[in-house]
């Protein structure tokens, strides 16, 4: 009968085969770390990615060659175009340059003179528009609007009258204080009486 194998010897011979290797332990650690990261990401609130701002597509204004009747439509379309593209026209100089690029004929020659003289108007959009307007606006149209504002009186609803009055003031550039002075006397007599009987606002 064969001798029984020594248990101690058997245990020592199997231990190296059953013991986890360093590589196995590293793989297990990496698997656990990956799982922990997945759980942390799942627990965080989902934030949608920020979409970059895109300027709207809008038709360019027509060119302008100096005709008085076409000045105001041209100017308003230029203002709208610049306003709708705040990234492109973030600087006054870019705004002025764009308007100059739409000029033809005598207005273009005026713009060329500004460039050659390196005029300060080239870097001040508001001042440029004021000067441009003083040169090319339809003066007859302005006189007609001023006459209409001076003569107008309320004949229909107060809402319709207020809308027309405000529109004229906006076109003519009438300041807020002057509007208040002009508005009240133009209302119907009945409205005057209602305003006179209305209690004064609490201060």
C-alpha atoms as a PDB file:
ATOM      1  CA  UNK A   1       0.000   0.000   0.000  1.00  0.00           C
ATOM      2  CA  UNK A   2       1.395   3.387  -1.015  1.00  0.00           C
ATOM      3  CA  UNK A   3       2.251   5.866   1.635  1.00  0.00           C
ATOM      4  CA  UNK A   4      -0.291   8.737   2.077  1.00  0.00           C
ATOM      5  CA  UNK A   5       0.854  12.125   0.752  1.00  0.00           C
ATOM      6  CA  UNK A   6       1.903  14.577   3.407  1.00  0.00           C
ATOM      7  CA  UNK A   7      -0.865  17.314   3.690  1.00  0.00           C
ATOM      8  CA  UNK A   8       1.706  19.996   4.412  1.00  0.00           C
ATOM      9  CA  UNK A   9       3.664  19.116   1.296  1.00  0.00           C
ATOM     10  CA  UNK A  10       0.468  19.154  -0.811  1.00  0.00           C
ATOM     11  CA  UNK A  11      -0.545  22.592   0.524  1.00  0.00           C
ATOM     12  CA  UNK A  12       2.869  24.087  -0.200  1.00  0.00           C
ATOM     13  CA  UNK A  13       2.827  22.763  -3.741  1.00  0.00           C
ATOM     14  CA  UNK A  14      -0.666  24.225  -4.569  1.00  0.00           C
ATOM     15  CA  UNK A  15      -0.296  27.673  -2.958  1.00  0.00           C
ATOM     16  CA  UNK A  16       1.687  29.375  -5.770  1.00  0.00           C
ATOM     17  CA  UNK A  17      -0.829  28.179  -8.375  1.00  0.00           C
ATOM     18  CA  UNK A  18      -3.875  29.462  -6.437  1.00  0.00           C
ATOM     19  CA  UNK A  19      -2.404  32.771  -5.239  1.00  0.00           C
ATOM     20  CA  UNK A  20      -3.576  35.844  -7.372  1.00  0.00           C
ATOM     21  CA  UNK A  21      -0.795  37.415  -9.391  1.00  0.00           C
ATOM     22  CA  UNK A  22       0.075  41.135  -9.310  1.00  0.00           C
ATOM     23  CA  UNK A  23      -1.298  41.572 -12.832  1.00  0.00           C
ATOM     24  CA  UNK A  24      -4.618  40.037 -11.812  1.00  0.00           C
ATOM     25  CA  UNK A  25      -4.880  42.354  -8.825  1.00  0.00           C
ATOM     26  CA  UNK A  26      -4.124  45.394 -11.007  1.00  0.00           C
ATOM     27  CA  UNK A  27      -6.847  44.410 -13.463  1.00  0.00           C
ATOM     28  CA  UNK A  28      -9.356  44.066 -10.638  1.00  0.00           C
ATOM     29  CA  UNK A  29      -8.416  47.456  -9.216  1.00  0.00           C
ATOM     30  CA  UNK A  30      -8.823  49.106 -12.638  1.00  0.00           C
ATOM     31  CA  UNK A  31     -12.199  47.437 -13.098  1.00  0.00           C
ATOM     32  CA  UNK A  32     -13.382  48.710  -9.702  1.00  0.00           C
ATOM     33  CA  UNK A  33     -12.117  52.234 -10.422  1.00  0.00           C
ATOM     34  CA  UNK A  34     -13.936  52.270 -13.779  1.00  0.00           C
ATOM     35  CA  UNK A  35     -17.131  51.141 -12.087  1.00  0.00           C
ATOM     36  CA  UNK A  36     -16.811  53.845  -9.424  1.00  0.00           C
ATOM     37  CA  UNK A  37     -16.394  56.489 -12.159  1.00  0.00           C
ATOM     38  CA  UNK A  38     -19.499  55.212 -13.951  1.00  0.00           C
ATOM     39  CA  UNK A  39     -21.536  55.459 -10.744  1.00  0.00           C
ATOM     40  CA  UNK A  40     -20.268  58.990 -10.023  1.00  0.00           C
ATOM     41  CA  UNK A  41     -21.120  60.175 -13.543  1.00  0.00           C
ATOM     42  CA  UNK A  42     -24.581  58.636 -13.334  1.00  0.00           C
ATOM     43  CA  UNK A  43     -25.216  60.455 -10.047  1.00  0.00           C
ATOM     44  CA  UNK A  44     -24.326  63.876 -11.503  1.00  0.00           C
ATOM     45  CA  UNK A  45     -27.124  65.961 -13.128  1.00  0.00           C
ATOM     46  CA  UNK A  46     -26.987  65.999 -16.906  1.00  0.00           C
ATOM     47  CA  UNK A  47     -26.047  69.396 -18.313  1.00  0.00           C
ATOM     48  CA  UNK A  48     -26.703  69.830 -22.029  1.00  0.00           C
ATOM     49  CA  UNK A  49     -23.744  71.235 -23.990  1.00  0.00           C
ATOM     50  CA  UNK A  50     -23.827  74.961 -24.616  1.00  0.00           C
ATOM     51  CA  UNK A  51     -24.596  75.669 -28.258  1.00  0.00           C
ATOM     52  CA  UNK A  52     -22.435  78.392 -29.846  1.00  0.00           C
ATOM     53  CA  UNK A  53     -24.358  81.532 -30.813  1.00  0.00           C
ATOM     54  CA  UNK A  54     -25.009  81.836 -34.526  1.00  0.00           C
ATOM     55  CA  UNK A  55     -25.881  85.179 -36.028  1.00  0.00           C
ATOM     56  CA  UNK A  56     -29.130  85.139 -38.019  1.00  0.00           C
ATOM     57  CA  UNK A  57     -29.098  85.221 -41.775  1.00  0.00           C
ATOM     58  CA  UNK A  58     -30.556  88.509 -42.991  1.00  0.00           C
ATOM     59  CA  UNK A  59     -30.538  90.218 -46.363  1.00  0.00           C
ATOM     60  CA  UNK A  60     -28.093  93.064 -46.829  1.00  0.00           C
ATOM     61  CA  UNK A  61     -29.366  96.634 -47.272  1.00  0.00           C
ATOM     62  CA  UNK A  62     -29.428  98.047 -50.811  1.00  0.00           C
ATOM     63  CA  UNK A  63     -26.676 100.372 -51.890  1.00  0.00           C
ATOM     64  CA  UNK A  64     -27.248 104.125 -51.557  1.00  0.00           C
ATOM     65  CA  UNK A  65     -26.299 106.714 -54.173  1.00  0.00           C
ATOM     66  CA  UNK A  66     -27.562 109.895 -52.551  1.00  0.00           C
ATOM     67  CA  UNK A  67     -31.273 110.053 -53.479  1.00  0.00           C
ATOM     68  CA  UNK A  68     -33.049 111.869 -50.646  1.00  0.00           C
ATOM     69  CA  UNK A  69     -36.218 109.759 -50.932  1.00  0.00           C
ATOM     70  CA  UNK A  70     -34.193 106.571 -50.398  1.00  0.00           C
ATOM     71  CA  UNK A  71     -32.124 107.782 -47.460  1.00  0.00           C
ATOM     72  CA  UNK A  72     -34.357 106.828 -44.522  1.00  0.00           C
ATOM     73  CA  UNK A  73     -35.181 103.307 -45.782  1.00  0.00           C
ATOM     74  CA  UNK A  74     -31.480 102.727 -46.442  1.00  0.00           C
ATOM     75  CA  UNK A  75     -30.426 104.000 -43.028  1.00  0.00           C
ATOM     76  CA  UNK A  76     -33.022 101.918 -41.164  1.00  0.00           C
ATOM     77  CA  UNK A  77     -32.023  98.764 -43.016  1.00  0.00           C
ATOM     78  CA  UNK A  78     -28.357  99.376 -42.211  1.00  0.00           C
ATOM     79  CA  UNK A  79     -29.181  99.863 -38.536  1.00  0.00           C
ATOM     80  CA  UNK A  80     -31.218  96.653 -38.491  1.00  0.00           C
ATOM     81  CA  UNK A  81     -28.497  94.664 -40.249  1.00  0.00           C
ATOM     82  CA  UNK A  82     -25.828  95.837 -37.808  1.00  0.00           C
ATOM     83  CA  UNK A  83     -28.094  95.231 -34.811  1.00  0.00           C
ATOM     84  CA  UNK A  84     -28.841  91.633 -35.831  1.00  0.00           C
ATOM     85  CA  UNK A  85     -25.129  90.755 -36.097  1.00  0.00           C
ATOM     86  CA  UNK A  86     -23.634  91.746 -32.731  1.00  0.00           C
ATOM     87  CA  UNK A  87     -20.572  89.511 -33.103  1.00  0.00           C
ATOM     88  CA  UNK A  88     -19.592  90.877 -36.494  1.00  0.00           C
ATOM     89  CA  UNK A  89     -20.269  94.490 -35.534  1.00  0.00           C
ATOM     90  CA  UNK A  90     -19.078  94.600 -31.936  1.00  0.00           C
ATOM     91  CA  UNK A  91     -16.869  97.640 -32.630  1.00  0.00           C
ATOM     92  CA  UNK A  92     -17.898 101.089 -33.884  1.00  0.00           C
ATOM     93  CA  UNK A  93     -15.227 100.989 -36.583  1.00  0.00           C
ATOM     94  CA  UNK A  94     -16.760  97.841 -38.107  1.00  0.00           C
ATOM     95  CA  UNK A  95     -20.229  99.429 -38.138  1.00  0.00           C
ATOM     96  CA  UNK A  96     -18.996 102.563 -39.896  1.00  0.00           C
ATOM     97  CA  UNK A  97     -16.967 100.547 -42.404  1.00  0.00           C
ATOM     98  CA  UNK A  98     -20.004  98.466 -43.311  1.00  0.00           C
ATOM     99  CA  UNK A  99     -22.221 101.494 -44.006  1.00  0.00           C
ATOM    100  CA  UNK A 100     -19.439 103.044 -46.111  1.00  0.00           C
ATOM    101  CA  UNK A 101     -19.197  99.822 -48.125  1.00  0.00           C
ATOM    102  CA  UNK A 102     -22.850 100.232 -49.188  1.00  0.00           C
ATOM    103  CA  UNK A 103     -22.397 103.771 -50.532  1.00  0.00           C
ATOM    104  CA  UNK A 104     -22.151 104.646 -54.211  1.00  0.00           C
ATOM    105  CA  UNK A 105     -21.680 107.873 -56.185  1.00  0.00           C
ATOM    106  CA  UNK A 106     -21.293 111.114 -54.249  1.00  0.00           C
ATOM    107  CA  UNK A 107     -21.890 109.486 -50.821  1.00  0.00           C
ATOM    108  CA  UNK A 108     -19.083 107.013 -51.601  1.00  0.00           C
ATOM    109  CA  UNK A 109     -16.772 109.918 -52.445  1.00  0.00           C
ATOM    110  CA  UNK A 110     -17.646 111.494 -49.093  1.00  0.00           C
ATOM    111  CA  UNK A 111     -16.775 108.215 -47.375  1.00  0.00           C
ATOM    112  CA  UNK A 112     -13.493 108.042 -49.290  1.00  0.00           C
ATOM    113  CA  UNK A 113     -12.644 111.535 -48.037  1.00  0.00           C
ATOM    114  CA  UNK A 114     -13.222 110.374 -44.440  1.00  0.00           C
ATOM    115  CA  UNK A 115     -10.866 107.448 -44.978  1.00  0.00           C
ATOM    116  CA  UNK A 116      -8.139 109.571 -46.561  1.00  0.00           C
ATOM    117  CA  UNK A 117      -8.342 112.087 -43.699  1.00  0.00           C
ATOM    118  CA  UNK A 118      -8.484 109.323 -41.074  1.00  0.00           C
ATOM    119  CA  UNK A 119     -11.529 111.105 -39.671  1.00  0.00           C
ATOM    120  CA  UNK A 120     -12.520 110.445 -36.030  1.00  0.00           C
ATOM    121  CA  UNK A 121     -15.993 109.657 -37.389  1.00  0.00           C
ATOM    122  CA  UNK A 122     -14.584 106.321 -38.560  1.00  0.00           C
ATOM    123  CA  UNK A 123     -14.382 105.091 -34.974  1.00  0.00           C
ATOM    124  CA  UNK A 124     -17.569 106.717 -33.610  1.00  0.00           C
ATOM    125  CA  UNK A 125     -20.698 105.094 -35.047  1.00  0.00           C
ATOM    126  CA  UNK A 126     -23.246 107.469 -33.478  1.00  0.00           C
ATOM    127  CA  UNK A 127     -21.331 110.576 -34.557  1.00  0.00           C
ATOM    128  CA  UNK A 128     -20.914 109.125 -38.048  1.00  0.00           C
ATOM    129  CA  UNK A 129     -24.662 108.468 -38.364  1.00  0.00           C
ATOM    130  CA  UNK A 130     -25.483 111.994 -37.154  1.00  0.00           C
ATOM    131  CA  UNK A 131     -23.165 113.525 -39.740  1.00  0.00           C
ATOM    132  CA  UNK A 132     -24.369 111.207 -42.493  1.00  0.00           C
ATOM    133  CA  UNK A 133     -27.988 112.089 -41.688  1.00  0.00           C
ATOM    134  CA  UNK A 134     -27.313 115.824 -41.683  1.00  0.00           C
ATOM    135  CA  UNK A 135     -25.895 115.533 -45.203  1.00  0.00           C
ATOM    136  CA  UNK A 136     -28.329 113.209 -46.942  1.00  0.00           C
ATOM    137  CA  UNK A 137     -31.637 113.006 -45.116  1.00  0.00           C
ATOM    138  CA  UNK A 138     -34.789 114.104 -46.923  1.00  0.00           C
ATOM    139  CA  UNK A 139     -35.148 117.612 -45.514  1.00  0.00           C
ATOM    140  CA  UNK A 140     -38.521 118.166 -47.191  1.00  0.00           C
ATOM    141  CA  UNK A 141     -39.849 114.979 -45.637  1.00  0.00           C
ATOM    142  CA  UNK A 142     -38.652 116.140 -42.226  1.00  0.00           C
ATOM    143  CA  UNK A 143     -40.399 119.500 -42.626  1.00  0.00           C
ATOM    144  CA  UNK A 144     -43.598 117.693 -43.576  1.00  0.00           C
ATOM    145  CA  UNK A 145     -43.408 115.468 -40.507  1.00  0.00           C
ATOM    146  CA  UNK A 146     -42.676 118.419 -38.223  1.00  0.00           C
ATOM    147  CA  UNK A 147     -45.682 120.265 -39.662  1.00  0.00           C
ATOM    148  CA  UNK A 148     -47.872 117.191 -39.181  1.00  0.00           C
ATOM    149  CA  UNK A 149     -46.761 116.822 -35.548  1.00  0.00           C
ATOM    150  CA  UNK A 150     -47.433 120.500 -34.835  1.00  0.00           C
ATOM    151  CA  UNK A 151     -50.942 120.384 -36.361  1.00  0.00           C
ATOM    152  CA  UNK A 152     -52.163 116.963 -35.247  1.00  0.00           C
ATOM    153  CA  UNK A 153     -54.961 116.648 -32.665  1.00  0.00           C
ATOM    154  CA  UNK A 154     -56.847 113.667 -31.293  1.00  0.00           C
ATOM    155  CA  UNK A 155     -59.978 112.913 -33.330  1.00  0.00           C
ATOM    156  CA  UNK A 156     -60.354 109.163 -32.771  1.00  0.00           C
ATOM    157  CA  UNK A 157     -59.338 106.806 -30.006  1.00  0.00           C
ATOM    158  CA  UNK A 158     -56.647 107.837 -27.559  1.00  0.00           C
ATOM    159  CA  UNK A 159     -54.728 104.646 -28.377  1.00  0.00           C
ATOM    160  CA  UNK A 160     -54.545 105.383 -32.117  1.00  0.00           C
ATOM    161  CA  UNK A 161     -53.602 109.002 -31.491  1.00  0.00           C
ATOM    162  CA  UNK A 162     -50.896 108.027 -29.007  1.00  0.00           C
ATOM    163  CA  UNK A 163     -49.403 105.502 -31.436  1.00  0.00           C
ATOM    164  CA  UNK A 164     -49.228 108.046 -34.287  1.00  0.00           C
ATOM    165  CA  UNK A 165     -47.860 110.759 -32.003  1.00  0.00           C
ATOM    166  CA  UNK A 166     -45.172 108.456 -30.630  1.00  0.00           C
ATOM    167  CA  UNK A 167     -44.166 107.305 -34.121  1.00  0.00           C
ATOM    168  CA  UNK A 168     -43.694 110.878 -35.323  1.00  0.00           C
ATOM    169  CA  UNK A 169     -41.675 111.760 -32.236  1.00  0.00           C
ATOM    170  CA  UNK A 170     -39.445 108.720 -32.737  1.00  0.00           C
ATOM    171  CA  UNK A 171     -38.791 109.599 -36.385  1.00  0.00           C
ATOM    172  CA  UNK A 172     -38.045 113.236 -35.570  1.00  0.00           C
ATOM    173  CA  UNK A 173     -35.971 112.430 -32.481  1.00  0.00           C
ATOM    174  CA  UNK A 174     -38.157 114.397 -30.051  1.00  0.00           C
ATOM    175  CA  UNK A 175     -36.937 113.989 -26.459  1.00  0.00           C
ATOM    176  CA  UNK A 176     -39.164 112.698 -23.669  1.00  0.00           C
ATOM    177  CA  UNK A 177     -39.668 116.051 -21.912  1.00  0.00           C
ATOM    178  CA  UNK A 178     -40.796 117.772 -25.107  1.00  0.00           C
ATOM    179  CA  UNK A 179     -43.162 114.891 -25.881  1.00  0.00           C
ATOM    180  CA  UNK A 180     -44.958 115.357 -22.576  1.00  0.00           C
ATOM    181  CA  UNK A 181     -45.329 119.085 -23.198  1.00  0.00           C
ATOM    182  CA  UNK A 182     -46.742 118.533 -26.697  1.00  0.00           C
ATOM    183  CA  UNK A 183     -48.970 115.544 -25.986  1.00  0.00           C
ATOM    184  CA  UNK A 184     -51.527 116.798 -23.431  1.00  0.00           C
ATOM    185  CA  UNK A 185     -52.784 119.893 -25.348  1.00  0.00           C
ATOM    186  CA  UNK A 186     -53.492 117.716 -28.406  1.00  0.00           C
ATOM    187  CA  UNK A 187     -55.989 115.465 -26.602  1.00  0.00           C
ATOM    188  CA  UNK A 188     -59.775 115.820 -26.858  1.00  0.00           C
ATOM    189  CA  UNK A 189     -61.493 118.251 -24.468  1.00  0.00           C
ATOM    190  CA  UNK A 190     -63.307 115.364 -22.767  1.00  0.00           C
ATOM    191  CA  UNK A 191     -59.990 113.664 -22.092  1.00  0.00           C
ATOM    192  CA  UNK A 192     -58.655 116.913 -20.664  1.00  0.00           C
ATOM    193  CA  UNK A 193     -61.576 117.060 -18.241  1.00  0.00           C
ATOM    194  CA  UNK A 194     -61.065 113.419 -17.217  1.00  0.00           C
ATOM    195  CA  UNK A 195     -57.407 114.066 -16.523  1.00  0.00           C
ATOM    196  CA  UNK A 196     -58.268 117.161 -14.498  1.00  0.00           C
ATOM    197  CA  UNK A 197     -60.736 115.186 -12.309  1.00  0.00           C
ATOM    198  CA  UNK A 198     -58.383 112.231 -11.851  1.00  0.00           C
ATOM    199  CA  UNK A 199     -56.717 112.091  -8.387  1.00  0.00           C
ATOM    200  CA  UNK A 200     -53.050 112.995  -8.282  1.00  0.00           C
ATOM    201  CA  UNK A 201     -50.698 110.025  -7.984  1.00  0.00           C
ATOM    202  CA  UNK A 202     -49.473 109.285  -4.490  1.00  0.00           C
ATOM    203  CA  UNK A 203     -45.922 110.415  -3.795  1.00  0.00           C
END
